[in-house]
C-alpha atoms as a PDB file:
ATOM      1  CA  MET A   1      81.812  94.137 122.385  1.00  0.00           C
ATOM      2  CA  PHE A   2      81.868  96.115 119.144  1.00  0.00           C
ATOM      3  CA  THR A   3      78.866  95.677 116.892  1.00  0.00           C
ATOM      4  CA  LEU A   4      77.935  97.413 113.672  1.00  0.00           C
ATOM      5  CA  PRO A   5      74.545  98.616 114.979  1.00  0.00           C
ATOM      6  CA  LYS A   6      76.328 100.322 117.872  1.00  0.00           C
ATOM      7  CA  LEU A   7      78.453 102.260 115.394  1.00  0.00           C
ATOM      8  CA  VAL A   8      75.317 103.747 113.854  1.00  0.00           C
ATOM      9  CA  HIS A   9      74.673 105.690 117.060  1.00  0.00           C
ATOM     10  CA  GLN A  10      78.096 107.330 117.078  1.00  0.00           C
ATOM     11  CA  PRO A  11      78.207 111.062 116.168  1.00  0.00           C
ATOM     12  CA  ILE A  12      80.706 110.404 113.354  1.00  0.00           C
ATOM     13  CA  VAL A  13      77.964 108.630 111.388  1.00  0.00           C
ATOM     14  CA  TRP A  14      75.689 111.650 111.394  1.00  0.00           C
ATOM     15  CA  PHE A  15      78.626 113.934 110.645  1.00  0.00           C
ATOM     16  CA  SER A  16      79.474 111.674 107.705  1.00  0.00           C
ATOM     17  CA  ILE A  17      75.908 111.763 106.375  1.00  0.00           C
ATOM     18  CA  LEU A  18      76.002 115.574 106.478  1.00  0.00           C
ATOM     19  CA  ILE A  19      79.339 115.763 104.648  1.00  0.00           C
ATOM     20  CA  LEU A  20      78.370 113.200 102.000  1.00  0.00           C
ATOM     21  CA  THR A  21      75.094 115.014 101.376  1.00  0.00           C
ATOM     22  CA  ALA A  22      76.973 118.275 100.849  1.00  0.00           C
ATOM     23  CA  ILE A  23      79.397 116.546  98.442  1.00  0.00           C
ATOM     24  CA  ALA A  24      76.501 115.009  96.481  1.00  0.00           C
ATOM     25  CA  ILE A  25      74.760 118.378  96.179  1.00  0.00           C
ATOM     26  CA  GLU A  26      77.978 120.004  94.957  1.00  0.00           C
ATOM     27  CA  ILE A  27      78.559 117.309  92.333  1.00  0.00           C
ATOM     28  CA  ILE A  28      74.961 117.385  91.089  1.00  0.00           C
ATOM     29  CA  SER A  29      74.995 121.180  90.867  1.00  0.00           C
ATOM     30  CA  LYS A  30      78.031 121.161  88.555  1.00  0.00           C
ATOM     31  CA  PRO A  31      77.397 119.355  85.239  1.00  0.00           C
ATOM     32  CA  PHE A  32      81.080 119.606  84.286  1.00  0.00           C
ATOM     33  CA  TYR A  33      82.350 118.760  87.745  1.00  0.00           C
ATOM     34  CA  LEU A  34      84.929 116.224  86.569  1.00  0.00           C
ATOM     35  CA  SER A  35      87.082 118.698  84.671  1.00  0.00           C
ATOM     36  CA  ASP A  36      90.755 119.531  85.117  1.00  0.00           C
ATOM     37  CA  SER A  37      91.618 122.838  86.736  1.00  0.00           C
ATOM     38  CA  PRO A  38      94.257 124.229  89.096  1.00  0.00           C
ATOM     39  CA  PRO A  39      93.383 124.103  92.811  1.00  0.00           C
ATOM     40  CA  GLN A  40      91.171 126.928  94.056  1.00  0.00           C
ATOM     41  CA  LEU A  41      92.957 128.696  96.924  1.00  0.00           C
ATOM     42  CA  GLU A  42      90.299 131.253  97.809  1.00  0.00           C
ATOM     43  CA  PHE A  43      89.062 131.326 101.398  1.00  0.00           C
ATOM     44  CA  PRO A  44      85.768 129.374 100.859  1.00  0.00           C
ATOM     45  CA  PHE A  45      87.661 126.540  99.147  1.00  0.00           C
ATOM     46  CA  LEU A  46      90.240 126.419 101.929  1.00  0.00           C
ATOM     47  CA  ILE A  47      87.453 126.192 104.502  1.00  0.00           C
ATOM     48  CA  LYS A  48      85.904 123.320 102.549  1.00  0.00           C
ATOM     49  CA  THR A  49      89.267 121.542 102.497  1.00  0.00           C
ATOM     50  CA  LEU A  50      89.661 122.050 106.252  1.00  0.00           C
ATOM     51  CA  ILE A  51      86.205 120.593 106.925  1.00  0.00           C
ATOM     52  CA  LEU A  52      86.887 117.575 104.723  1.00  0.00           C
ATOM     53  CA  LEU A  53      90.238 116.938 106.418  1.00  0.00           C
ATOM     54  CA  ILE A  54      88.640 117.200 109.863  1.00  0.00           C
ATOM     55  CA  TRP A  55      86.007 114.703 108.748  1.00  0.00           C
ATOM     56  CA  SER A  56      88.721 112.379 107.464  1.00  0.00           C
ATOM     57  CA  PHE A  57      90.492 112.592 110.809  1.00  0.00           C
ATOM     58  CA  CYS A  58      87.273 111.780 112.674  1.00  0.00           C
ATOM     59  CA  LEU A  59      86.590 108.791 110.422  1.00  0.00           C
ATOM     60  CA  VAL A  60      90.057 107.334 110.939  1.00  0.00           C
ATOM     61  CA  ALA A  61      89.983 108.045 114.672  1.00  0.00           C
ATOM     62  CA  THR A  62      86.640 106.266 115.034  1.00  0.00           C
ATOM     63  CA  VAL A  63      87.804 103.203 113.116  1.00  0.00           C
ATOM     64  CA  ARG A  64      91.143 102.930 114.903  1.00  0.00           C
ATOM     65  CA  LYS A  65      89.451 103.386 118.288  1.00  0.00           C
ATOM     66  CA  ASN A  66      87.094 100.502 117.602  1.00  0.00           C
ATOM     67  CA  VAL A  67      89.863  98.362 116.156  1.00  0.00           C
ATOM     68  CA  PHE A  68      92.640  99.026 118.643  1.00  0.00           C
ATOM     69  CA  LYS A  69      90.707  99.645 121.854  1.00  0.00           C
ATOM     70  CA  THR A  70      87.632  97.424 121.577  1.00  0.00           C
ATOM     71  CA  LEU A  71      89.075  94.492 119.635  1.00  0.00           C
ATOM     72  CA  GLY A  72      92.548  94.665 121.078  1.00  0.00           C
ATOM     73  CA  TYR A  73      94.030  94.498 117.595  1.00  0.00           C
ATOM     74  CA  ALA A  74      97.835  94.290 117.687  1.00  0.00           C
ATOM     75  CA  PRO A  75      99.882  96.779 115.628  1.00  0.00           C
ATOM     76  CA  PRO A  76     101.428  95.353 112.450  1.00  0.00           C
ATOM     77  CA  LYS A  77     104.764  93.536 112.505  1.00  0.00           C
ATOM     78  CA  PHE A  78     106.562  93.628 109.189  1.00  0.00           C
ATOM     79  CA  LYS A  79     109.279  91.384 107.823  1.00  0.00           C
ATOM     80  CA  ALA A  80     112.590  92.779 106.588  1.00  0.00           C
ATOM     81  CA  TYR A  81     111.563  92.787 102.909  1.00  0.00           C
ATOM     82  CA  GLN A  82     108.334  94.609 103.789  1.00  0.00           C
ATOM     83  CA  LEU A  83     110.197  97.312 105.705  1.00  0.00           C
ATOM     84  CA  GLY A  84     112.546  97.555 102.737  1.00  0.00           C
ATOM     85  CA  LEU A  85     109.691  98.114 100.286  1.00  0.00           C
ATOM     86  CA  ILE A  86     108.110 100.748 102.533  1.00  0.00           C
ATOM     87  CA  GLY A  87     111.473 102.507 102.790  1.00  0.00           C
ATOM     88  CA  PHE A  88     112.013 102.199  99.034  1.00  0.00           C
ATOM     89  CA  THR A  89     108.632 103.821  98.378  1.00  0.00           C
ATOM     90  CA  ALA A  90     109.416 106.679 100.758  1.00  0.00           C
ATOM     91  CA  ILE A  91     112.841 107.261  99.176  1.00  0.00           C
ATOM     92  CA  ILE A  92     111.358 107.370  95.669  1.00  0.00           C
ATOM     93  CA  SER A  93     108.716 109.843  96.823  1.00  0.00           C
ATOM     94  CA  TRP A  94     111.369 112.092  98.382  1.00  0.00           C
ATOM     95  CA  PHE A  95     113.357 111.886  95.148  1.00  0.00           C
ATOM     96  CA  PHE A  96     110.324 112.858  93.072  1.00  0.00           C
ATOM     97  CA  LEU A  97     109.566 115.774  95.401  1.00  0.00           C
ATOM     98  CA  GLY A  98     113.160 116.993  95.236  1.00  0.00           C
ATOM     99  CA  LEU A  99     113.193 116.701  91.454  1.00  0.00           C
ATOM    100  CA  PHE A 100     109.978 118.708  91.218  1.00  0.00           C
ATOM    101  CA  LEU A 101     111.319 121.493  93.436  1.00  0.00           C
ATOM    102  CA  ILE A 102     114.733 121.645  91.741  1.00  0.00           C
ATOM    103  CA  ASN A 103     113.773 120.951  88.121  1.00  0.00           C
ATOM    104  CA  PRO A 104     109.997 120.939  87.540  1.00  0.00           C
ATOM    105  CA  GLN A 105     110.493 120.736  83.771  1.00  0.00           C
ATOM    106  CA  GLN A 106     112.394 117.453  84.088  1.00  0.00           C
ATOM    107  CA  PHE A 107     109.733 116.225  86.504  1.00  0.00           C
ATOM    108  CA  SER A 108     107.133 116.797  83.786  1.00  0.00           C
ATOM    109  CA  LEU A 109     109.262 115.341  80.998  1.00  0.00           C
ATOM    110  CA  LEU A 110     109.630 112.053  82.873  1.00  0.00           C
ATOM    111  CA  ALA A 111     105.830 111.825  82.974  1.00  0.00           C
ATOM    112  CA  LEU A 112     105.392 111.942  79.183  1.00  0.00           C
ATOM    113  CA  GLU A 113     104.243 108.947  77.143  1.00  0.00           C
ATOM    114  CA  ASP A 114     106.830 106.170  76.718  1.00  0.00           C
ATOM    115  CA  GLN A 115     109.059 107.696  79.390  1.00  0.00           C
ATOM    116  CA  ILE A 116     110.288 105.985  82.552  1.00  0.00           C
ATOM    117  CA  ILE A 117     107.287 106.738  84.801  1.00  0.00           C
ATOM    118  CA  GLU A 118     104.673 105.403  82.388  1.00  0.00           C
ATOM    119  CA  ASN A 119     106.789 102.387  81.434  1.00  0.00           C
ATOM    120  CA  ALA A 120     107.496 101.585  85.078  1.00  0.00           C
ATOM    121  CA  SER A 121     103.777 101.778  85.856  1.00  0.00           C
ATOM    122  CA  ALA A 122     102.973  99.359  83.042  1.00  0.00           C
ATOM    123  CA  PHE A 123     105.747  96.962  84.068  1.00  0.00           C
ATOM    124  CA  LEU A 124     104.514  96.904  87.674  1.00  0.00           C
ATOM    125  CA  CYS A 125     100.968  96.191  86.463  1.00  0.00           C
ATOM    126  CA  PHE A 126     102.169  93.283  84.323  1.00  0.00           C
ATOM    127  CA  ALA A 127     104.285  91.945  87.189  1.00  0.00           C
ATOM    128  CA  SER A 128     101.313  92.222  89.558  1.00  0.00           C
ATOM    129  CA  ALA A 129      99.026  90.375  87.148  1.00  0.00           C
ATOM    130  CA  PHE A 130     101.658  87.634  86.756  1.00  0.00           C
ATOM    131  CA  ILE A 131     102.091  87.191  90.525  1.00  0.00           C
ATOM    132  CA  LEU A 132      98.321  87.024  91.040  1.00  0.00           C
ATOM    133  CA  ALA A 133      98.141  84.434  88.257  1.00  0.00           C
ATOM    134  CA  ILE A 134     100.723  82.362  90.159  1.00  0.00           C
ATOM    135  CA  ALA A 135      98.593  82.666  93.300  1.00  0.00           C
ATOM    136  CA  LEU A 136      95.566  81.555  91.279  1.00  0.00           C
ATOM    137  CA  VAL A 137      97.390  78.430  90.081  1.00  0.00           C
ATOM    138  CA  ASN A 138      98.405  77.654  93.667  1.00  0.00           C
ATOM    139  CA  ILE A 139      94.785  77.861  94.813  1.00  0.00           C
ATOM    140  CA  PHE A 140      93.995  74.820  92.656  1.00  0.00           C
ATOM    141  CA  SER A 141      95.746  72.605  95.243  1.00  0.00           C
ATOM    142  CA  LEU A 142      93.035  73.434  97.774  1.00  0.00           C
ATOM    143  CA  PRO A 143      90.224  70.895  98.226  1.00  0.00           C
ATOM    144  CA  PRO A 144      87.180  71.744  96.074  1.00  0.00           C
ATOM    145  CA  SER A 145      84.780  74.076  97.878  1.00  0.00           C
ATOM    146  CA  ARG A 146      82.761  77.254  97.445  1.00  0.00           C
ATOM    147  CA  SER A 147      85.574  79.156  99.107  1.00  0.00           C
ATOM    148  CA  ARG A 148      88.133  77.842  96.620  1.00  0.00           C
ATOM    149  CA  PHE A 149      85.823  78.646  93.688  1.00  0.00           C
ATOM    150  CA  PHE A 150      85.335  82.201  94.986  1.00  0.00           C
ATOM    151  CA  LYS A 151      89.095  82.707  95.380  1.00  0.00           C
ATOM    152  CA  LEU A 152      89.751  81.379  91.877  1.00  0.00           C
ATOM    153  CA  ILE A 153      87.161  83.711  90.343  1.00  0.00           C
ATOM    154  CA  MET A 154      88.361  86.774  92.249  1.00  0.00           C
ATOM    155  CA  LEU A 155      92.053  86.140  91.546  1.00  0.00           C
ATOM    156  CA  GLY A 156      91.251  85.569  87.877  1.00  0.00           C
ATOM    157  CA  ILE A 157      89.313  88.836  87.668  1.00  0.00           C
ATOM    158  CA  LEU A 158      91.977  90.800  89.552  1.00  0.00           C
ATOM    159  CA  SER A 159      94.788  89.430  87.416  1.00  0.00           C
ATOM    160  CA  LEU A 160      92.906  90.189  84.193  1.00  0.00           C
ATOM    161  CA  VAL A 161      91.851  93.695  85.262  1.00  0.00           C
ATOM    162  CA  ILE A 162      95.378  94.660  86.333  1.00  0.00           C
ATOM    163  CA  PHE A 163      96.783  93.272  83.077  1.00  0.00           C
ATOM    164  CA  VAL A 164      94.307  95.383  81.095  1.00  0.00           C
ATOM    165  CA  ILE A 165      95.278  98.452  83.147  1.00  0.00           C
ATOM    166  CA  GLY A 166      98.906  97.855  82.197  1.00  0.00           C
ATOM    167  CA  MET A 167      97.984  97.492  78.531  1.00  0.00           C
ATOM    168  CA  GLU A 168      95.901 100.668  78.661  1.00  0.00           C
ATOM    169  CA  GLU A 169      98.889 102.470  80.177  1.00  0.00           C
ATOM    170  CA  VAL A 170     100.969 101.745  77.057  1.00  0.00           C
ATOM    171  CA  SER A 171      98.024 101.965  74.628  1.00  0.00           C
ATOM    172  CA  TRP A 172      98.263  98.232  73.947  1.00  0.00           C
ATOM    173  CA  PHE A 173     101.822  98.755  72.600  1.00  0.00           C
ATOM    174  CA  GLN A 174     100.447 100.774  69.697  1.00  0.00           C
ATOM    175  CA  ARG A 175     103.339 103.250  69.641  1.00  0.00           C
ATOM    176  CA  MET A 176     105.969 100.559  70.095  1.00  0.00           C
ATOM    177  CA  LEU A 177     104.564  98.487  67.228  1.00  0.00           C
ATOM    178  CA  ALA A 178     103.784 101.570  65.107  1.00  0.00           C
ATOM    179  CA  ILE A 179     100.149 100.570  64.666  1.00  0.00           C
ATOM    180  CA  LYS A 180      97.929 103.155  62.998  1.00  0.00           C
ATOM    181  CA  THR A 181      95.021 104.295  65.160  1.00  0.00           C
ATOM    182  CA  PRO A 182      91.770 102.673  63.947  1.00  0.00           C
ATOM    183  CA  ALA A 183      88.955 105.054  63.039  1.00  0.00           C
ATOM    184  CA  SER A 184      86.890 103.836  65.983  1.00  0.00           C
ATOM    185  CA  PHE A 185      89.572 105.159  68.380  1.00  0.00           C
ATOM    186  CA  SER A 186      90.349 108.421  66.601  1.00  0.00           C
ATOM    187  CA  ASN A 187      87.902 110.422  68.700  1.00  0.00           C
ATOM    188  CA  ASN A 188      89.402 109.724  72.098  1.00  0.00           C
ATOM    189  CA  LEU A 189      91.499 112.324  73.913  1.00  0.00           C
ATOM    190  CA  GLN A 190      94.924 111.092  72.742  1.00  0.00           C
ATOM    191  CA  GLN A 191      93.709 109.510  69.482  1.00  0.00           C
ATOM    192  CA  GLU A 192      95.280 106.209  70.533  1.00  0.00           C
ATOM    193  CA  MET A 193      94.211 102.597  70.949  1.00  0.00           C
ATOM    194  CA  ASN A 194      92.934 102.774  74.500  1.00  0.00           C
ATOM    195  CA  LEU A 195      89.529 102.901  76.112  1.00  0.00           C
ATOM    196  CA  HIS A 196      90.053 105.153  79.116  1.00  0.00           C
ATOM    197  CA  ASN A 197      90.743 108.254  77.023  1.00  0.00           C
ATOM    198  CA  PHE A 198      87.177 108.263  75.685  1.00  0.00           C
ATOM    199  CA  ALA A 199      86.218 109.623  79.119  1.00  0.00           C
ATOM    200  CA  THR A 200      89.575 110.286  80.732  1.00  0.00           C
ATOM    201  CA  ASN A 201      88.515 112.213  83.821  1.00  0.00           C
ATOM    202  CA  LYS A 202      85.678 109.856  84.711  1.00  0.00           C
ATOM    203  CA  PHE A 203      87.828 106.761  84.251  1.00  0.00           C
ATOM    204  CA  GLU A 204      90.655 108.295  86.281  1.00  0.00           C
ATOM    205  CA  TYR A 205      88.299 109.399  89.048  1.00  0.00           C
ATOM    206  CA  ILE A 206      86.847 105.898  89.331  1.00  0.00           C
ATOM    207  CA  TYR A 207      90.315 104.313  89.085  1.00  0.00           C
ATOM    208  CA  TYR A 208      91.869 106.533  91.756  1.00  0.00           C
ATOM    209  CA  LEU A 209      88.991 106.208  94.218  1.00  0.00           C
ATOM    210  CA  GLY A 210      88.570 102.487  93.513  1.00  0.00           C
ATOM    211  CA  THR A 211      92.222 101.659  94.163  1.00  0.00           C
ATOM    212  CA  PHE A 212      92.248 103.960  97.184  1.00  0.00           C
ATOM    213  CA  SER A 213      89.222 102.154  98.631  1.00  0.00           C
ATOM    214  CA  LEU A 214      90.860  98.755  98.122  1.00  0.00           C
ATOM    215  CA  PHE A 215      94.395  99.601  99.228  1.00  0.00           C
ATOM    216  CA  SER A 216      93.732 102.178 101.974  1.00  0.00           C
ATOM    217  CA  ILE A 217      90.202 101.885 103.346  1.00  0.00           C
ATOM    218  CA  VAL A 218      89.983  98.070 103.362  1.00  0.00           C
ATOM    219  CA  PRO A 219      93.201  97.614 105.417  1.00  0.00           C
ATOM    220  CA  LEU A 220      91.920 100.113 107.985  1.00  0.00           C
ATOM    221  CA  ILE A 221      88.476  98.563 108.474  1.00  0.00           C
ATOM    222  CA  LYS A 222      89.002  94.858 107.819  1.00  0.00           C
ATOM    223  CA  PRO A 223      89.898  93.979 111.458  1.00  0.00           C
ATOM    224  CA  LEU A 224      86.366  95.044 112.401  1.00  0.00           C
ATOM    225  CA  PHE A 225      85.003  92.048 110.505  1.00  0.00           C
ATOM    226  CA  GLN A 226      87.269  89.329 111.884  1.00  0.00           C
ATOM    227  CA  LYS A 227      84.502  87.837 114.017  1.00  0.00           C
ATOM    228  CA  TYR A 228      82.222  87.154 111.063  1.00  0.00           C
ATOM    229  CA  GLN A 229      82.160  83.674 109.557  1.00  0.00           C
ATOM    230  CA  TRP A 230      82.603  84.869 105.978  1.00  0.00           C
ATOM    231  CA  TYR A 231      85.789  86.760 106.869  1.00  0.00           C
ATOM    232  CA  SER A 232      88.016  83.674 106.707  1.00  0.00           C
ATOM    233  CA  SER A 233      86.838  83.003 103.156  1.00  0.00           C
ATOM    234  CA  ILE A 234      87.987  86.357 101.773  1.00  0.00           C
ATOM    235  CA  ASN A 235      90.779  87.387 104.153  1.00  0.00           C
ATOM    236  CA  LEU A 236      93.379  85.914 101.808  1.00  0.00           C
ATOM    237  CA  LEU A 237      92.371  88.459  99.148  1.00  0.00           C
ATOM    238  CA  LEU A 238      92.086  91.512 101.396  1.00  0.00           C
ATOM    239  CA  PRO A 239      95.036  93.924 101.449  1.00  0.00           C
ATOM    240  CA  GLY A 240      96.576  94.446 104.877  1.00  0.00           C
ATOM    241  CA  SER A 241      98.536  97.123 106.685  1.00  0.00           C
ATOM    242  CA  PHE A 242     101.642  96.427 104.577  1.00  0.00           C
ATOM    243  CA  THR A 243      99.785  97.420 101.409  1.00  0.00           C
ATOM    244  CA  PHE A 244      98.374 100.474 103.210  1.00  0.00           C
ATOM    245  CA  HIS A 245     101.861 101.678 104.208  1.00  0.00           C
ATOM    246  CA  VAL A 246     103.049 101.536 100.594  1.00  0.00           C
ATOM    247  CA  GLY A 247      99.856 102.820  98.979  1.00  0.00           C
ATOM    248  CA  ALA A 248      99.249 105.829 101.218  1.00  0.00           C
ATOM    249  CA  ILE A 249     101.753 107.983  99.331  1.00  0.00           C
ATOM    250  CA  ALA A 250      99.710 107.796  96.112  1.00  0.00           C
ATOM    251  CA  ALA A 251      96.976 109.823  97.816  1.00  0.00           C
ATOM    252  CA  ALA A 252      99.372 112.794  98.111  1.00  0.00           C
ATOM    253  CA  TYR A 253      99.903 113.244  94.353  1.00  0.00           C
ATOM    254  CA  ASN A 254      97.123 115.647  93.373  1.00  0.00           C
ATOM    255  CA  TYR A 255      96.904 118.927  91.520  1.00  0.00           C
ATOM    256  CA  ASP A 256      94.313 119.159  88.750  1.00  0.00           C
ATOM    257  CA  MET A 257      91.885 116.969  90.720  1.00  0.00           C
ATOM    258  CA  TRP A 258      92.542 118.448  94.152  1.00  0.00           C
ATOM    259  CA  ASP A 259      89.249 120.348  94.286  1.00  0.00           C
ATOM    260  CA  PHE A 260      87.262 117.102  93.969  1.00  0.00           C
ATOM    261  CA  PRO A 261      85.954 116.563  97.529  1.00  0.00           C
ATOM    262  CA  LEU A 262      86.520 112.803  97.564  1.00  0.00           C
ATOM    263  CA  ILE A 263      90.124 113.270  96.411  1.00  0.00           C
ATOM    264  CA  GLN A 264      90.715 115.493  99.444  1.00  0.00           C
ATOM    265  CA  VAL A 265      89.001 112.943 101.669  1.00  0.00           C
ATOM    266  CA  ALA A 266      91.219 110.211 100.213  1.00  0.00           C
ATOM    267  CA  PHE A 267      94.314 112.223 101.069  1.00  0.00           C
ATOM    268  CA  GLY A 268      93.002 112.907 104.577  1.00  0.00           C
ATOM    269  CA  ILE A 269      92.191 109.259 105.310  1.00  0.00           C
ATOM    270  CA  ALA A 270      95.551 108.036 103.971  1.00  0.00           C
ATOM    271  CA  PHE A 271      97.491 110.730 105.830  1.00  0.00           C
ATOM    272  CA  PHE A 272      95.717 110.394 109.185  1.00  0.00           C
ATOM    273  CA  GLY A 273      95.660 106.615 108.835  1.00  0.00           C
ATOM    274  CA  MET A 274      99.442 106.699 108.666  1.00  0.00           C
ATOM    275  CA  VAL A 275      99.548 109.092 111.636  1.00  0.00           C
ATOM    276  CA  PHE A 276      97.456 106.736 113.750  1.00  0.00           C
ATOM    277  CA  TYR A 277      99.635 103.780 112.769  1.00  0.00           C
ATOM    278  CA  ALA A 278     102.684 105.812 113.860  1.00  0.00           C
ATOM    279  CA  PHE A 279     101.185 106.360 117.317  1.00  0.00           C
ATOM    280  CA  GLU A 280     100.689 102.632 117.852  1.00  0.00           C
ATOM    281  CA  LYS A 281     103.420 100.458 119.294  1.00  0.00           C
ATOM    282  CA  ALA A 282     105.968  99.402 116.701  1.00  0.00           C
ATOM    283  CA  ASN A 283     109.674  98.705 116.386  1.00  0.00           C
ATOM    284  CA  THR A 284     112.003 101.633 115.913  1.00  0.00           C
ATOM    285  CA  THR A 285     112.648 101.005 112.217  1.00  0.00           C
ATOM    286  CA  LEU A 286     108.943 100.961 111.362  1.00  0.00           C
ATOM    287  CA  LYS A 287     108.309 104.059 113.469  1.00  0.00           C
ATOM    288  CA  ILE A 288     111.024 105.980 111.611  1.00  0.00           C
ATOM    289  CA  LEU A 289     109.666 104.879 108.232  1.00  0.00           C
ATOM    290  CA  GLN A 290     106.143 105.912 109.226  1.00  0.00           C
ATOM    291  CA  ILE A 291     107.330 109.382 110.229  1.00  0.00           C
ATOM    292  CA  ILE A 292     109.261 109.721 106.956  1.00  0.00           C
ATOM    293  CA  VAL A 293     106.156 108.756 104.964  1.00  0.00           C
ATOM    294  CA  ILE A 294     103.961 111.183 106.926  1.00  0.00           C
ATOM    295  CA  VAL A 295     106.348 114.091 106.316  1.00  0.00           C
ATOM    296  CA  VAL A 296     106.818 113.380 102.610  1.00  0.00           C
ATOM    297  CA  MET A 297     103.054 113.015 102.115  1.00  0.00           C
ATOM    298  CA  ALA A 298     102.367 116.392 103.717  1.00  0.00           C
ATOM    299  CA  MET A 299     105.206 118.200 101.930  1.00  0.00           C
ATOM    300  CA  SER A 300     104.433 116.648  98.540  1.00  0.00           C
ATOM    301  CA  GLN A 301     100.752 117.567  98.573  1.00  0.00           C
ATOM    302  CA  ILE A 302     101.435 121.105  99.793  1.00  0.00           C
ATOM    303  CA  MET A 303     104.146 121.700  97.186  1.00  0.00           C
ATOM    304  CA  PHE A 304     102.029 120.295  94.355  1.00  0.00           C
ATOM    305  CA  ILE A 305      99.094 122.519  95.317  1.00  0.00           C
ATOM    306  CA  PHE A 306     101.056 125.757  95.608  1.00  0.00           C
ATOM    307  CA  LYS A 307     103.721 125.178  92.942  1.00  0.00           C
ATOM    308  CA  GLY A 308     101.855 122.977  90.472  1.00  0.00           C
ATOM    309  CA  ASN A 309     101.651 125.808  87.938  1.00  0.00           C
ATOM    310  CA  ALA A 310     105.197 124.773  87.017  1.00  0.00           C
ATOM    311  CA  PHE A 311     103.912 121.537  85.419  1.00  0.00           C
ATOM    312  CA  LEU A 312     104.195 121.414  81.621  1.00  0.00           C
ATOM    313  CA  ARG A 313     100.806 119.697  81.557  1.00  0.00           C
ATOM    314  CA  LEU A 314      98.084 120.221  84.119  1.00  0.00           C
ATOM    315  CA  TYR A 315      97.892 116.489  84.861  1.00  0.00           C
ATOM    316  CA  ASP A 316     101.612 115.601  85.012  1.00  0.00           C
ATOM    317  CA  VAL A 317     101.439 114.700  88.681  1.00  0.00           C
ATOM    318  CA  THR A 318      98.752 112.076  88.011  1.00  0.00           C
ATOM    319  CA  GLU A 319     101.305 110.021  86.053  1.00  0.00           C
ATOM    320  CA  TYR A 320     103.332 109.764  89.257  1.00  0.00           C
ATOM    321  CA  LYS A 321     100.162 108.953  91.178  1.00  0.00           C
ATOM    322  CA  GLU A 322      99.497 106.086  88.769  1.00  0.00           C
ATOM    323  CA  PHE A 323     103.081 104.876  89.270  1.00  0.00           C
ATOM    324  CA  PHE A 324     102.556 104.638  93.033  1.00  0.00           C
ATOM    325  CA  ILE A 325      99.191 102.917  92.499  1.00  0.00           C
ATOM    326  CA  ALA A 326     100.923 100.357  90.251  1.00  0.00           C
ATOM    327  CA  LEU A 327     103.636  99.885  92.878  1.00  0.00           C
ATOM    328  CA  THR A 328     100.904  99.289  95.454  1.00  0.00           C
ATOM    329  CA  MET A 329      99.307  96.709  93.164  1.00  0.00           C
ATOM    330  CA  PHE A 330     102.656  94.931  93.008  1.00  0.00           C
ATOM    331  CA  VAL A 331     102.936  94.932  96.804  1.00  0.00           C
ATOM    332  CA  TYR A 332      99.344  93.729  97.097  1.00  0.00           C
ATOM    333  CA  ALA A 333     100.056  90.865  94.699  1.00  0.00           C
ATOM    334  CA  ILE A 334     103.058  89.855  96.806  1.00  0.00           C
ATOM    335  CA  GLU A 335     100.885  90.032  99.919  1.00  0.00           C
ATOM    336  CA  VAL A 336      98.237  87.785  98.336  1.00  0.00           C
ATOM    337  CA  LEU A 337     100.852  85.254  97.251  1.00  0.00           C
ATOM    338  CA  ALA A 338     102.306  85.305 100.773  1.00  0.00           C
ATOM    339  CA  ASN A 339      98.834  84.578 102.154  1.00  0.00           C
ATOM    340  CA  VAL A 340      98.534  81.644  99.766  1.00  0.00           C
ATOM    341  CA  ARG A 341     101.822  80.258 101.037  1.00  0.00           C
ATOM    342  CA  LYS A 342     100.484  80.349 104.569  1.00  0.00           C
ATOM    343  CA  LEU A 343      97.934  77.790 103.450  1.00  0.00           C
ATOM    344  CA  ASN A 344     100.876  75.478 102.659  1.00  0.00           C
ATOM    345  CA  LEU A 345     100.095  75.534  98.960  1.00  0.00           C
ATOM    346  CA  LYS A 346     102.783  74.420  96.586  1.00  0.00           C
ATOM    347  CA  LYS A 347     105.320  73.745  99.346  1.00  0.00           C
ATOM    348  CA  ASN A 348     108.191  73.312  96.929  1.00  0.00           C
ATOM    349  CA  GLU A 349     107.896  76.961  95.839  1.00  0.00           C
ATOM    350  CA  ASN A 350     111.030  78.875  96.833  1.00  0.00           C
ATOM    351  CA  LEU A 351     110.458  82.594  96.411  1.00  0.00           C
ATOM    352  CA  TRP A 352     113.343  84.324  98.141  1.00  0.00           C
ATOM    353  CA  PHE A 353     111.534  87.709  98.437  1.00  0.00           C
ATOM    354  CA  LEU A 354     108.761  86.126 100.531  1.00  0.00           C
ATOM    355  CA  ASN A 355     111.105  84.489 103.046  1.00  0.00           C
END
């Protein structure tokens, strides 16, 4: 039987401690570590990338071994709308990659402020916050308990945070409403009414790694905790394999931040996580979609690294990354609302996209 203490004795743990120590030393030794720059392609940097990717593979392999072998965890079975959303995400990613290779200038122009990518990201954030708010209202029909109170608090926080992210994306509609930038905001990077541009790189780093942890790491490891009593209280809020399949692509949109070790680890975990899912038993449609996602992830990240000098701005690709993160939030919100429905809350609700 799998136990957490047993995991401590596995070699991957000691390998992980070594890698994390090396990452910490590198970060501490560079005061301006979180700064934008093109990827370093010299031999030492490529070796570092290889080591980090190998570590990512070992981490995913260890988790999937314990999940699939020891716990007998069944591979995911997706409904038609879920397969459709995974396919839609893959198609969009292929389109973006093709656009970048054929017309990199247009790729960059679409990523500018108030253009389709930024507006779509904001819309998906607002839609996600709205869906989570609906789930929150549905939770009220549960009998009063600590579990219900916890779910209400967490859904309220998630809905509010995602709404704020959407507002930050469009600078709180400052440009649309032609509001003059207050003096207190004039010193941020874009001189606009938003908070994240006071420390853009730090906020983005936290945002990217935070959403990656929630939407990619949690789905991979959460089956390991099914036997614990507290699991049933929070399972409704935990993203599952559906969210992982949609969110993995976001990890492949890196250029100016590629040299950050944890960004490379995030790509490795998302990529190899998808590979391991593809090797598990699944229906033909899902298997094809998984292979398509794996290929587009690999090709996108490689092309962005080696051809990213064609971007008009160093960080253009991060706008697309934020779009895929927002799309993942939307999928996560749908997944949470679907979990609420399984509790037979608000039975008269008739949401066609969840049927």
